[in-house]
C-alpha atoms as a PDB file:
ATOM      1  CA  UNK A   1      47.730 139.376  61.085  1.00  0.00           C
ATOM      2  CA  UNK A   2      50.526 136.866  61.973  1.00  0.00           C
ATOM      3  CA  UNK A   3      54.044 137.974  61.092  1.00  0.00           C
ATOM      4  CA  UNK A   4      55.971 135.958  58.524  1.00  0.00           C
ATOM      5  CA  UNK A   5      57.504 132.799  59.934  1.00  0.00           C
ATOM      6  CA  UNK A   6      61.001 134.077  59.164  1.00  0.00           C
ATOM      7  CA  UNK A   7      60.449 137.097  61.445  1.00  0.00           C
ATOM      8  CA  UNK A   8      61.446 136.491  65.105  1.00  0.00           C
ATOM      9  CA  UNK A   9      58.755 137.363  67.667  1.00  0.00           C
ATOM     10  CA  UNK A  10      61.409 139.213  69.724  1.00  0.00           C
ATOM     11  CA  UNK A  11      65.002 140.229  69.200  1.00  0.00           C
ATOM     12  CA  UNK A  12      67.885 137.879  70.043  1.00  0.00           C
ATOM     13  CA  UNK A  13      69.233 140.468  72.505  1.00  0.00           C
ATOM     14  CA  UNK A  14      65.938 140.520  74.376  1.00  0.00           C
ATOM     15  CA  UNK A  15      65.908 136.742  74.333  1.00  0.00           C
ATOM     16  CA  UNK A  16      69.352 136.610  75.969  1.00  0.00           C
ATOM     17  CA  UNK A  17      68.269 139.013  78.715  1.00  0.00           C
ATOM     18  CA  UNK A  18      65.139 136.957  79.352  1.00  0.00           C
ATOM     19  CA  UNK A  19      67.176 133.745  79.602  1.00  0.00           C
ATOM     20  CA  UNK A  20      69.636 135.307  82.050  1.00  0.00           C
ATOM     21  CA  UNK A  21      66.792 136.558  84.231  1.00  0.00           C
ATOM     22  CA  UNK A  22      65.155 133.135  84.191  1.00  0.00           C
ATOM     23  CA  UNK A  23      68.398 131.434  85.249  1.00  0.00           C
ATOM     24  CA  UNK A  24      68.827 133.930  88.090  1.00  0.00           C
ATOM     25  CA  UNK A  25      65.271 133.340  89.303  1.00  0.00           C
ATOM     26  CA  UNK A  26      65.799 129.581  89.247  1.00  0.00           C
ATOM     27  CA  UNK A  27      69.046 129.951  91.185  1.00  0.00           C
ATOM     28  CA  UNK A  28      67.303 132.073  93.812  1.00  0.00           C
ATOM     29  CA  UNK A  29      64.488 129.561  94.147  1.00  0.00           C
ATOM     30  CA  UNK A  30      66.990 126.731  94.428  1.00  0.00           C
ATOM     31  CA  UNK A  31      68.803 128.472  97.265  1.00  0.00           C
ATOM     32  CA  UNK A  32      65.521 129.156  99.032  1.00  0.00           C
ATOM     33  CA  UNK A  33      64.534 125.536  98.466  1.00  0.00           C
ATOM     34  CA  UNK A  34      67.755 124.279 100.058  1.00  0.00           C
ATOM     35  CA  UNK A  35      67.034 126.285 103.196  1.00  0.00           C
ATOM     36  CA  UNK A  36      63.473 124.997 103.259  1.00  0.00           C
ATOM     37  CA  UNK A  37      64.636 121.406 102.745  1.00  0.00           C
ATOM     38  CA  UNK A  38      67.204 121.788 105.551  1.00  0.00           C
ATOM     39  CA  UNK A  39      64.474 122.988 107.907  1.00  0.00           C
ATOM     40  CA  UNK A  40      62.175 120.169 106.859  1.00  0.00           C
ATOM     41  CA  UNK A  41      64.951 117.651 107.467  1.00  0.00           C
ATOM     42  CA  UNK A  42      65.520 119.053 110.969  1.00  0.00           C
ATOM     43  CA  UNK A  43      61.791 118.874 111.753  1.00  0.00           C
ATOM     44  CA  UNK A  44      61.598 115.334 110.397  1.00  0.00           C
ATOM     45  CA  UNK A  45      64.584 114.194 112.452  1.00  0.00           C
ATOM     46  CA  UNK A  46      63.158 115.750 115.628  1.00  0.00           C
ATOM     47  CA  UNK A  47      59.874 113.936 115.070  1.00  0.00           C
ATOM     48  CA  UNK A  48      61.742 110.721 114.256  1.00  0.00           C
ATOM     49  CA  UNK A  49      63.507 110.945 117.634  1.00  0.00           C
ATOM     50  CA  UNK A  50      60.309 111.870 119.485  1.00  0.00           C
ATOM     51  CA  UNK A  51      58.504 108.735 118.339  1.00  0.00           C
ATOM     52  CA  UNK A  52      61.467 106.579 119.346  1.00  0.00           C
ATOM     53  CA  UNK A  53      62.971 106.015 115.900  1.00  0.00           C
ATOM     54  CA  UNK A  54      66.595 106.626 116.868  1.00  0.00           C
ATOM     55  CA  UNK A  55      66.187 104.569 120.030  1.00  0.00           C
ATOM     56  CA  UNK A  56      64.840 101.722 117.904  1.00  0.00           C
ATOM     57  CA  UNK A  57      67.864 101.945 115.595  1.00  0.00           C
ATOM     58  CA  UNK A  58      70.281 101.885 118.544  1.00  0.00           C
ATOM     59  CA  UNK A  59      68.448  98.940 120.098  1.00  0.00           C
ATOM     60  CA  UNK A  60      68.518  97.059 116.802  1.00  0.00           C
ATOM     61  CA  UNK A  61      72.267  97.597 116.468  1.00  0.00           C
ATOM     62  CA  UNK A  62      72.758  96.445 120.065  1.00  0.00           C
ATOM     63  CA  UNK A  63      70.610  93.308 119.698  1.00  0.00           C
ATOM     64  CA  UNK A  64      71.551  92.322 116.165  1.00  0.00           C
ATOM     65  CA  UNK A  65      74.219  89.719 115.627  1.00  0.00           C
ATOM     66  CA  UNK A  66      76.445  88.819 112.682  1.00  0.00           C
ATOM     67  CA  UNK A  67      75.929  85.111 113.427  1.00  0.00           C
ATOM     68  CA  UNK A  68      73.625  83.420 110.898  1.00  0.00           C
ATOM     69  CA  UNK A  69      71.841  81.411 113.606  1.00  0.00           C
ATOM     70  CA  UNK A  70      70.162  84.497 115.024  1.00  0.00           C
ATOM     71  CA  UNK A  71      67.048  86.152 113.694  1.00  0.00           C
ATOM     72  CA  UNK A  72      68.626  89.599 113.383  1.00  0.00           C
ATOM     73  CA  UNK A  73      71.344  88.850 110.826  1.00  0.00           C
ATOM     74  CA  UNK A  74      73.517  91.893 110.148  1.00  0.00           C
ATOM     75  CA  UNK A  75      76.561  92.326 107.914  1.00  0.00           C
ATOM     76  CA  UNK A  76      78.672  95.351 107.028  1.00  0.00           C
ATOM     77  CA  UNK A  77      76.658  96.254 103.883  1.00  0.00           C
ATOM     78  CA  UNK A  78      73.405  96.031 105.877  1.00  0.00           C
ATOM     79  CA  UNK A  79      74.915  98.163 108.648  1.00  0.00           C
ATOM     80  CA  UNK A  80      75.896 100.755 106.038  1.00  0.00           C
ATOM     81  CA  UNK A  81      72.324 100.849 104.702  1.00  0.00           C
ATOM     82  CA  UNK A  82      70.985 101.496 108.202  1.00  0.00           C
ATOM     83  CA  UNK A  83      73.506 104.272 108.889  1.00  0.00           C
ATOM     84  CA  UNK A  84      73.303 105.954 105.463  1.00  0.00           C
ATOM     85  CA  UNK A  85      70.355 108.289 106.345  1.00  0.00           C
ATOM     86  CA  UNK A  86      72.212 109.685 109.364  1.00  0.00           C
ATOM     87  CA  UNK A  87      75.235 111.054 107.482  1.00  0.00           C
ATOM     88  CA  UNK A  88      73.963 114.632 107.478  1.00  0.00           C
ATOM     89  CA  UNK A  89      72.709 115.011 111.047  1.00  0.00           C
ATOM     90  CA  UNK A  90      75.841 116.489 112.648  1.00  0.00           C
ATOM     91  CA  UNK A  91      74.629 120.094 112.357  1.00  0.00           C
ATOM     92  CA  UNK A  92      71.189 119.423 113.787  1.00  0.00           C
ATOM     93  CA  UNK A  93      71.756 116.841 116.510  1.00  0.00           C
ATOM     94  CA  UNK A  94      73.103 117.324 120.028  1.00  0.00           C
ATOM     95  CA  UNK A  95      76.297 115.588 121.168  1.00  0.00           C
ATOM     96  CA  UNK A  96      74.533 113.079 123.415  1.00  0.00           C
ATOM     97  CA  UNK A  97      72.245 111.787 120.674  1.00  0.00           C
ATOM     98  CA  UNK A  98      75.138 111.588 118.203  1.00  0.00           C
ATOM     99  CA  UNK A  99      77.324 109.755 120.715  1.00  0.00           C
ATOM    100  CA  UNK A 100      74.632 107.117 121.362  1.00  0.00           C
ATOM    101  CA  UNK A 101      74.279 106.374 117.646  1.00  0.00           C
ATOM    102  CA  UNK A 102      78.047 106.347 117.066  1.00  0.00           C
ATOM    103  CA  UNK A 103      78.770 103.988 119.961  1.00  0.00           C
ATOM    104  CA  UNK A 104      76.033 101.605 118.808  1.00  0.00           C
ATOM    105  CA  UNK A 105      77.410 101.646 115.253  1.00  0.00           C
ATOM    106  CA  UNK A 106      81.001 101.197 116.448  1.00  0.00           C
ATOM    107  CA  UNK A 107      80.140  98.225 118.684  1.00  0.00           C
ATOM    108  CA  UNK A 108      78.013  96.603 115.978  1.00  0.00           C
ATOM    109  CA  UNK A 109      80.714  96.968 113.306  1.00  0.00           C
ATOM    110  CA  UNK A 110      83.325  95.465 115.633  1.00  0.00           C
ATOM    111  CA  UNK A 111      81.119  92.444 116.357  1.00  0.00           C
ATOM    112  CA  UNK A 112      80.539  91.933 112.645  1.00  0.00           C
ATOM    113  CA  UNK A 113      84.239  92.095 111.775  1.00  0.00           C
ATOM    114  CA  UNK A 114      85.338  89.829 114.617  1.00  0.00           C
ATOM    115  CA  UNK A 115      82.835  87.133 113.641  1.00  0.00           C
ATOM    116  CA  UNK A 116      83.467  87.220 109.880  1.00  0.00           C
ATOM    117  CA  UNK A 117      83.548  83.624 108.646  1.00  0.00           C
ATOM    118  CA  UNK A 118      84.445  81.954 105.364  1.00  0.00           C
ATOM    119  CA  UNK A 119      80.952  82.467 103.965  1.00  0.00           C
ATOM    120  CA  UNK A 120      81.044  86.188 104.736  1.00  0.00           C
ATOM    121  CA  UNK A 121      84.472  86.568 103.124  1.00  0.00           C
ATOM    122  CA  UNK A 122      83.306  84.675 100.054  1.00  0.00           C
ATOM    123  CA  UNK A 123      80.156  86.774  99.609  1.00  0.00           C
ATOM    124  CA  UNK A 124      81.454  90.283 100.231  1.00  0.00           C
ATOM    125  CA  UNK A 125      83.257  92.177  97.482  1.00  0.00           C
ATOM    126  CA  UNK A 126      86.134  94.570  98.067  1.00  0.00           C
ATOM    127  CA  UNK A 127      84.065  97.466  96.732  1.00  0.00           C
ATOM    128  CA  UNK A 128      81.227  96.798  99.171  1.00  0.00           C
ATOM    129  CA  UNK A 129      83.670  96.454 102.025  1.00  0.00           C
ATOM    130  CA  UNK A 130      85.436  99.687 101.104  1.00  0.00           C
ATOM    131  CA  UNK A 131      82.149 101.595 100.820  1.00  0.00           C
ATOM    132  CA  UNK A 132      80.837 100.183 104.099  1.00  0.00           C
ATOM    133  CA  UNK A 133      83.975 101.079 106.064  1.00  0.00           C
ATOM    134  CA  UNK A 134      84.068 104.499 104.405  1.00  0.00           C
ATOM    135  CA  UNK A 135      80.507 105.242 105.508  1.00  0.00           C
ATOM    136  CA  UNK A 136      81.257 103.982 109.014  1.00  0.00           C
ATOM    137  CA  UNK A 137      84.170 106.431 109.260  1.00  0.00           C
ATOM    138  CA  UNK A 138      81.794 109.225 108.220  1.00  0.00           C
ATOM    139  CA  UNK A 139      79.363 108.203 110.996  1.00  0.00           C
ATOM    140  CA  UNK A 140      82.143 107.998 113.590  1.00  0.00           C
ATOM    141  CA  UNK A 141      82.942 111.649 112.906  1.00  0.00           C
ATOM    142  CA  UNK A 142      79.520 112.622 114.255  1.00  0.00           C
ATOM    143  CA  UNK A 143      80.945 112.081 117.729  1.00  0.00           C
ATOM    144  CA  UNK A 144      84.671 111.395 117.433  1.00  0.00           C
ATOM    145  CA  UNK A 145      87.386 113.716 116.220  1.00  0.00           C
ATOM    146  CA  UNK A 146      88.770 113.158 112.725  1.00  0.00           C
ATOM    147  CA  UNK A 147      91.898 111.588 114.237  1.00  0.00           C
ATOM    148  CA  UNK A 148      89.960 109.185 116.451  1.00  0.00           C
ATOM    149  CA  UNK A 149      87.620 108.198 113.603  1.00  0.00           C
ATOM    150  CA  UNK A 150      90.607 107.576 111.318  1.00  0.00           C
ATOM    151  CA  UNK A 151      92.315 105.458 113.972  1.00  0.00           C
ATOM    152  CA  UNK A 152      89.234 103.261 114.428  1.00  0.00           C
ATOM    153  CA  UNK A 153      88.862 102.919 110.646  1.00  0.00           C
ATOM    154  CA  UNK A 154      92.510 101.840 110.294  1.00  0.00           C
ATOM    155  CA  UNK A 155      92.010  99.205 112.997  1.00  0.00           C
ATOM    156  CA  UNK A 156      88.935  97.866 111.168  1.00  0.00           C
ATOM    157  CA  UNK A 157      90.860  97.751 107.881  1.00  0.00           C
ATOM    158  CA  UNK A 158      93.658  95.767 109.533  1.00  0.00           C
ATOM    159  CA  UNK A 159      91.208  93.291 111.078  1.00  0.00           C
ATOM    160  CA  UNK A 160      89.567  92.723 107.699  1.00  0.00           C
ATOM    161  CA  UNK A 161      92.939  92.223 106.009  1.00  0.00           C
ATOM    162  CA  UNK A 162      93.696  89.383 108.436  1.00  0.00           C
ATOM    163  CA  UNK A 163      90.314  87.798 107.712  1.00  0.00           C
ATOM    164  CA  UNK A 164      91.011  87.879 103.971  1.00  0.00           C
ATOM    165  CA  UNK A 165      94.549  86.489 104.328  1.00  0.00           C
ATOM    166  CA  UNK A 166      93.230  83.590 106.438  1.00  0.00           C
ATOM    167  CA  UNK A 167      90.611  82.698 103.831  1.00  0.00           C
ATOM    168  CA  UNK A 168      91.011  79.376 101.983  1.00  0.00           C
ATOM    169  CA  UNK A 169      90.021  81.149  98.761  1.00  0.00           C
ATOM    170  CA  UNK A 170      93.106  82.226  96.780  1.00  0.00           C
ATOM    171  CA  UNK A 171      91.452  85.337  95.338  1.00  0.00           C
ATOM    172  CA  UNK A 172      90.512  86.592  98.816  1.00  0.00           C
ATOM    173  CA  UNK A 173      93.984  85.886 100.178  1.00  0.00           C
ATOM    174  CA  UNK A 174      95.478  87.882  97.315  1.00  0.00           C
ATOM    175  CA  UNK A 175      93.062  90.692  98.202  1.00  0.00           C
ATOM    176  CA  UNK A 176      94.349  90.632 101.780  1.00  0.00           C
ATOM    177  CA  UNK A 177      97.965  90.838 100.622  1.00  0.00           C
ATOM    178  CA  UNK A 178      96.916  93.663  98.299  1.00  0.00           C
ATOM    179  CA  UNK A 179      95.504  95.548 101.307  1.00  0.00           C
ATOM    180  CA  UNK A 180      98.875  95.382 103.047  1.00  0.00           C
ATOM    181  CA  UNK A 181     100.620  96.580  99.879  1.00  0.00           C
ATOM    182  CA  UNK A 182      98.191  99.505  99.729  1.00  0.00           C
ATOM    183  CA  UNK A 183      99.021 100.407 103.346  1.00  0.00           C
ATOM    184  CA  UNK A 184     102.763 100.247 102.604  1.00  0.00           C
ATOM    185  CA  UNK A 185     102.355 102.444  99.511  1.00  0.00           C
ATOM    186  CA  UNK A 186     100.320 104.919 101.546  1.00  0.00           C
ATOM    187  CA  UNK A 187     103.087 105.175 104.165  1.00  0.00           C
ATOM    188  CA  UNK A 188     105.953 105.423 101.687  1.00  0.00           C
ATOM    189  CA  UNK A 189     104.236 108.075  99.562  1.00  0.00           C
ATOM    190  CA  UNK A 190     103.582 110.192 102.658  1.00  0.00           C
ATOM    191  CA  UNK A 191     107.227 109.755 103.693  1.00  0.00           C
ATOM    192  CA  UNK A 192     108.537 110.650 100.246  1.00  0.00           C
ATOM    193  CA  UNK A 193     106.109 113.544  99.744  1.00  0.00           C
ATOM    194  CA  UNK A 194     105.391 114.992 103.223  1.00  0.00           C
ATOM    195  CA  UNK A 195     103.166 117.742 101.795  1.00  0.00           C
ATOM    196  CA  UNK A 196     100.890 115.105 100.235  1.00  0.00           C
ATOM    197  CA  UNK A 197      99.344 113.976 103.521  1.00  0.00           C
ATOM    198  CA  UNK A 198      98.493 117.583 104.415  1.00  0.00           C
ATOM    199  CA  UNK A 199      96.789 118.103 101.068  1.00  0.00           C
ATOM    200  CA  UNK A 200      94.847 114.820 101.015  1.00  0.00           C
ATOM    201  CA  UNK A 201      94.234 114.250 104.713  1.00  0.00           C
ATOM    202  CA  UNK A 202      96.002 115.525 107.817  1.00  0.00           C
ATOM    203  CA  UNK A 203      95.365 112.129 109.435  1.00  0.00           C
ATOM    204  CA  UNK A 204      97.135 109.853 106.946  1.00  0.00           C
ATOM    205  CA  UNK A 205     100.285 109.739 109.113  1.00  0.00           C
ATOM    206  CA  UNK A 206      98.348 107.797 111.792  1.00  0.00           C
ATOM    207  CA  UNK A 207      99.348 104.687 109.870  1.00  0.00           C
ATOM    208  CA  UNK A 208     103.095 104.750 110.532  1.00  0.00           C
ATOM    209  CA  UNK A 209     105.716 102.333 109.265  1.00  0.00           C
ATOM    210  CA  UNK A 210     106.466 101.120 112.817  1.00  0.00           C
ATOM    211  CA  UNK A 211     102.773 100.520 113.533  1.00  0.00           C
ATOM    212  CA  UNK A 212     102.304  98.519 110.329  1.00  0.00           C
ATOM    213  CA  UNK A 213     105.549  96.538 110.682  1.00  0.00           C
ATOM    214  CA  UNK A 214     104.809  95.610 114.307  1.00  0.00           C
ATOM    215  CA  UNK A 215     101.249  94.630 113.368  1.00  0.00           C
ATOM    216  CA  UNK A 216     102.502  92.304 110.596  1.00  0.00           C
ATOM    217  CA  UNK A 217     104.900  90.632 113.043  1.00  0.00           C
ATOM    218  CA  UNK A 218     102.647  90.541 116.126  1.00  0.00           C
ATOM    219  CA  UNK A 219      99.687  89.116 114.208  1.00  0.00           C
ATOM    220  CA  UNK A 220     101.978  86.559 112.510  1.00  0.00           C
ATOM    221  CA  UNK A 221     100.577  87.569 109.129  1.00  0.00           C
ATOM    222  CA  UNK A 222     103.344  85.847 107.185  1.00  0.00           C
ATOM    223  CA  UNK A 223     102.733  82.469 108.848  1.00  0.00           C
ATOM    224  CA  UNK A 224      99.377  82.345 107.040  1.00  0.00           C
ATOM    225  CA  UNK A 225     101.120  82.888 103.697  1.00  0.00           C
ATOM    226  CA  UNK A 226     104.538  81.235 103.891  1.00  0.00           C
ATOM    227  CA  UNK A 227     103.641  77.652 104.713  1.00  0.00           C
ATOM    228  CA  UNK A 228     103.964  74.207 103.138  1.00  0.00           C
ATOM    229  CA  UNK A 229     100.921  74.893 100.938  1.00  0.00           C
ATOM    230  CA  UNK A 230     101.932  78.375  99.799  1.00  0.00           C
ATOM    231  CA  UNK A 231     100.814  79.299  96.295  1.00  0.00           C
ATOM    232  CA  UNK A 232     103.558  80.803  94.072  1.00  0.00           C
ATOM    233  CA  UNK A 233     101.462  83.911  93.397  1.00  0.00           C
ATOM    234  CA  UNK A 234     101.015  84.466  97.148  1.00  0.00           C
ATOM    235  CA  UNK A 235     104.776  84.294  97.701  1.00  0.00           C
ATOM    236  CA  UNK A 236     105.445  86.559  94.730  1.00  0.00           C
ATOM    237  CA  UNK A 237     103.107  89.266  96.039  1.00  0.00           C
ATOM    238  CA  UNK A 238     104.375  88.879  99.600  1.00  0.00           C
ATOM    239  CA  UNK A 239     107.841  89.949  98.419  1.00  0.00           C
ATOM    240  CA  UNK A 240     106.629  93.562  98.643  1.00  0.00           C
ATOM    241  CA  UNK A 241     105.822  93.122 102.341  1.00  0.00           C
ATOM    242  CA  UNK A 242     109.121  91.324 103.008  1.00  0.00           C
ATOM    243  CA  UNK A 243     111.048  94.165 101.362  1.00  0.00           C
ATOM    244  CA  UNK A 244     109.166  96.670 103.515  1.00  0.00           C
ATOM    245  CA  UNK A 245     110.087  94.796 106.712  1.00  0.00           C
ATOM    246  CA  UNK A 246     113.706  94.438 105.593  1.00  0.00           C
ATOM    247  CA  UNK A 247     114.047  98.168 104.858  1.00  0.00           C
ATOM    248  CA  UNK A 248     112.699  98.950 108.333  1.00  0.00           C
ATOM    249  CA  UNK A 249     115.061  96.457 109.976  1.00  0.00           C
ATOM    250  CA  UNK A 250     112.073  94.337 111.079  1.00  0.00           C
ATOM    251  CA  UNK A 251     112.760  91.214 109.040  1.00  0.00           C
ATOM    252  CA  UNK A 252     113.538  88.537 111.616  1.00  0.00           C
ATOM    253  CA  UNK A 253     115.430  85.277 111.156  1.00  0.00           C
ATOM    254  CA  UNK A 254     112.182  83.418 111.897  1.00  0.00           C
ATOM    255  CA  UNK A 255     110.531  85.060 108.878  1.00  0.00           C
ATOM    256  CA  UNK A 256     113.501  84.168 106.658  1.00  0.00           C
ATOM    257  CA  UNK A 257     113.255  80.566 107.826  1.00  0.00           C
ATOM    258  CA  UNK A 258     109.544  80.573 106.965  1.00  0.00           C
ATOM    259  CA  UNK A 259     110.349  81.857 103.492  1.00  0.00           C
ATOM    260  CA  UNK A 260     113.028  79.227 102.938  1.00  0.00           C
ATOM    261  CA  UNK A 261     110.878  76.378 104.295  1.00  0.00           C
ATOM    262  CA  UNK A 262     107.978  77.305 102.012  1.00  0.00           C
ATOM    263  CA  UNK A 263     109.874  75.918  98.981  1.00  0.00           C
ATOM    264  CA  UNK A 264     111.309  72.736 100.471  1.00  0.00           C
ATOM    265  CA  UNK A 265     110.281  69.650  98.503  1.00  0.00           C
ATOM    266  CA  UNK A 266     107.965  71.794  96.386  1.00  0.00           C
ATOM    267  CA  UNK A 267     107.455  72.267  92.681  1.00  0.00           C
ATOM    268  CA  UNK A 268     110.080  74.107  90.661  1.00  0.00           C
ATOM    269  CA  UNK A 269     107.771  77.131  90.225  1.00  0.00           C
ATOM    270  CA  UNK A 270     107.699  77.656  94.001  1.00  0.00           C
ATOM    271  CA  UNK A 271     111.459  77.222  94.319  1.00  0.00           C
ATOM    272  CA  UNK A 272     112.153  79.818  91.626  1.00  0.00           C
ATOM    273  CA  UNK A 273     109.780  82.367  93.208  1.00  0.00           C
ATOM    274  CA  UNK A 274     111.378  81.933  96.652  1.00  0.00           C
ATOM    275  CA  UNK A 275     114.911  82.263  95.253  1.00  0.00           C
ATOM    276  CA  UNK A 276     113.945  85.424  93.348  1.00  0.00           C
ATOM    277  CA  UNK A 277     112.383  86.848  96.501  1.00  0.00           C
ATOM    278  CA  UNK A 278     115.564  86.171  98.493  1.00  0.00           C
ATOM    279  CA  UNK A 279     117.689  87.808  95.802  1.00  0.00           C
ATOM    280  CA  UNK A 280     115.513  90.914  96.048  1.00  0.00           C
ATOM    281  CA  UNK A 281     116.012  91.011  99.818  1.00  0.00           C
ATOM    282  CA  UNK A 282     119.801  90.607  99.869  1.00  0.00           C
ATOM    283  CA  UNK A 283     120.665  94.327  99.828  1.00  0.00           C
ATOM    284  CA  UNK A 284     118.560  94.910 102.963  1.00  0.00           C
ATOM    285  CA  UNK A 285     119.768  91.922 105.006  1.00  0.00           C
ATOM    286  CA  UNK A 286     122.370  91.888 107.745  1.00  0.00           C
ATOM    287  CA  UNK A 287     125.549  89.822 107.442  1.00  0.00           C
ATOM    288  CA  UNK A 288     124.237  87.245 109.916  1.00  0.00           C
ATOM    289  CA  UNK A 289     120.988  86.893 107.949  1.00  0.00           C
ATOM    290  CA  UNK A 290     122.886  86.392 104.687  1.00  0.00           C
ATOM    291  CA  UNK A 291     125.087  83.772 106.371  1.00  0.00           C
ATOM    292  CA  UNK A 292     121.941  82.045 107.620  1.00  0.00           C
ATOM    293  CA  UNK A 293     120.606  81.798 104.061  1.00  0.00           C
ATOM    294  CA  UNK A 294     123.931  80.473 102.742  1.00  0.00           C
ATOM    295  CA  UNK A 295     123.957  77.833 105.449  1.00  0.00           C
ATOM    296  CA  UNK A 296     120.555  76.669 104.188  1.00  0.00           C
ATOM    297  CA  UNK A 297     121.815  76.625 100.582  1.00  0.00           C
ATOM    298  CA  UNK A 298     124.813  74.497 101.600  1.00  0.00           C
ATOM    299  CA  UNK A 299     122.392  71.854 102.880  1.00  0.00           C
ATOM    300  CA  UNK A 300     120.967  71.312  99.393  1.00  0.00           C
ATOM    301  CA  UNK A 301     122.246  67.935  98.186  1.00  0.00           C
ATOM    302  CA  UNK A 302     124.295  67.966  95.008  1.00  0.00           C
ATOM    303  CA  UNK A 303     122.958  65.720  92.260  1.00  0.00           C
END
């Protein structure tokens, strides 16, 4: 005869023991499954290489072009999709095979970045770009040291920042200026909190203040921003970069002249932004630079 419905079929204590045993069994099976999956992945990758799969990938990366006129059109997001399956092969692949894939990926990514045009800049989002470059850095570590991979990634980030700043689209140009601000913040936080870079990444000091300041000057970044068509928001956000250069003693008279010339015969909004930017720079300027600015002010006709 069935027991009353209110009567449990087994005690709650026995139920708890049974549940704990079941969880333990599942955990054991999961661990065994991970080992089995790892072995299956290794066998699959070996077979993939035997039938020429990796060679085909390397050849595709070598032959593909970022130019839209070619049949094999490849952008950074597409490159990331191709490389995604190879993230976990470091433990199972020999150095030669890894190096071949890494060099093909590195060369392909460089070609893509160098040939980025206005259409590419317009279509790609910052999130996609960040994810693509992040995955590329992961792939580079299959063959390169962490320091070398980080150095290559920083170079790619700098190249892309220039592409964005040169874009005719205001939003993209602001993104490029934002990239430089992010680099400055990264440097200053590591300088202010030296233990931070060891906790987050031992390689974050590869991007030094001298490297960034010299790059801004050598690549003439500010000439793309401070010109006769400068937007007030561009100038306003560039003040952060100008302050950084001034603090490091890298703000040249040529840059100050660019800043001053950007507001000549312009709308009042531009003039106000430039004057406010100069006021913010005063405490970091040399006496000769301050005199240079006053000489420009004296040229303003009195009404």
